[in-house]
């Protein structure tokens, strides 16, 4: 039973919990996690869009602490799982605190 595939993107908006924002280390961790999924991942901050699998594009979003990012995963059967994993990464506070 292979009708039209579910192409409806999975989407959520998350505030960056890291007190340093989405800088090199969390951006790299996010991109590495995104690469483990087949789904296409897009991150939007204001007018800027980034490929969620590119740490450089993520850094170019200039998302500081508390910035609202919209994460979208689509195009594969693991899109919902990708979104859950990536959302948790953004909600995790930095390990550099303390």
Protein backbone atom coordinates (compact mmCIF):
# COMPACT_ATOMS: atom_id res chain seq x y z
CA UNK A 1 0.00 0.00 0.00
CA UNK A 2 2.15 2.77 -1.33
CA UNK A 3 -0.06 5.78 -1.97
CA UNK A 4 1.34 9.28 -1.93
CA UNK A 5 4.14 9.51 0.63
CA UNK A 6 3.61 11.80 3.60
CA UNK A 7 5.41 14.92 2.46
CA UNK A 8 3.87 17.10 5.14
CA UNK A 9 6.82 18.57 7.03
CA UNK A 10 7.17 18.09 10.76
CA UNK A 11 7.82 21.49 12.34
CA UNK A 12 8.37 23.04 15.74
CA UNK A 13 9.60 26.33 17.17
CA UNK A 14 12.22 26.19 19.90
CA UNK A 15 14.02 28.87 21.90
CA UNK A 16 17.79 28.32 22.07
CA UNK A 17 18.52 27.29 25.67
CA UNK A 18 22.32 27.50 25.41
CA UNK A 19 23.46 30.67 27.26
CA UNK A 20 26.03 31.25 24.50
CA UNK A 21 23.52 30.78 21.69
CA UNK A 22 23.96 28.53 18.67
CA UNK A 23 27.74 28.90 18.40
CA UNK A 24 30.29 26.50 16.89
CA UNK A 25 30.01 23.56 19.28
CA UNK A 26 26.20 23.28 19.51
CA UNK A 27 25.85 24.05 15.80
CA UNK A 28 28.28 21.22 14.98
CA UNK A 29 26.47 18.84 17.35
CA UNK A 30 23.13 19.76 15.77
CA UNK A 31 24.45 19.23 12.23
CA UNK A 32 26.03 15.88 13.16
CA UNK A 33 22.76 14.71 14.70
CA UNK A 34 20.77 15.90 11.67
CA UNK A 35 23.07 13.95 9.33
CA UNK A 36 22.07 10.69 11.04
CA UNK A 37 18.56 11.07 9.59
CA UNK A 38 17.42 10.76 5.98
CA UNK A 39 14.92 13.60 6.38
CA UNK A 40 15.83 17.03 5.05
CA UNK A 41 16.28 19.45 7.95
CA UNK A 42 15.81 23.21 7.65
CA UNK A 43 16.28 25.71 10.46
CA UNK A 44 14.78 29.20 10.20
CA UNK A 45 15.63 32.25 12.32
CA UNK A 46 13.72 35.34 11.27
CA UNK A 47 14.30 35.78 7.53
CA UNK A 48 17.30 33.45 7.45
CA UNK A 49 17.15 29.77 6.53
CA UNK A 50 19.86 27.17 7.03
CA UNK A 51 20.42 23.56 6.07
CA UNK A 52 20.27 21.77 9.42
CA UNK A 53 23.04 19.44 8.27
CA UNK A 54 25.52 22.31 7.77
CA UNK A 55 27.14 23.68 10.91
CA UNK A 56 28.37 26.74 9.00
CA UNK A 57 24.90 27.60 7.75
CA UNK A 58 23.57 27.17 11.30
CA UNK A 59 26.21 29.54 12.69
CA UNK A 60 25.29 32.08 10.00
CA UNK A 61 21.78 32.25 11.51
CA UNK A 62 23.38 34.23 14.37
CA UNK A 63 20.97 32.74 16.89
CA UNK A 64 21.75 34.02 20.37
CA UNK A 65 20.44 32.74 23.70
CA UNK A 66 16.65 32.62 23.67
CA UNK A 67 16.45 33.03 19.88
CA UNK A 68 13.35 31.41 18.42
CA UNK A 69 14.26 28.87 15.77
CA UNK A 70 11.81 26.96 13.62
CA UNK A 71 13.06 23.46 12.88
CA UNK A 72 11.49 21.57 9.99
CA UNK A 73 12.12 17.97 8.98
CA UNK A 74 10.55 16.42 5.90
CA UNK A 75 10.90 14.01 3.05
CA UNK A 76 11.58 10.75 4.86
CA UNK A 77 9.92 8.34 7.25
CA UNK A 78 12.31 9.41 10.03
CA UNK A 79 11.30 13.10 9.93
CA UNK A 80 9.33 12.95 13.20
CA UNK A 81 12.20 11.20 15.00
CA UNK A 82 14.67 13.71 13.57
CA UNK A 83 12.57 16.60 14.83
CA UNK A 84 12.32 15.12 18.34
CA UNK A 85 16.08 14.57 18.56
CA UNK A 86 17.02 17.99 17.20
CA UNK A 87 14.50 19.80 19.39
CA UNK A 88 16.04 18.18 22.47
CA UNK A 89 19.49 19.38 21.38
CA UNK A 90 18.32 22.98 21.15
CA UNK A 91 16.54 22.74 24.50
CA UNK A 92 19.65 21.39 26.22
CA UNK A 93 21.54 23.98 28.19
CA UNK A 94 25.25 24.28 27.54
CA UNK A 95 27.69 21.91 29.22
CA UNK A 96 30.04 24.89 29.61
CA UNK A 97 28.05 26.46 32.42
CA UNK A 98 29.38 26.31 35.94
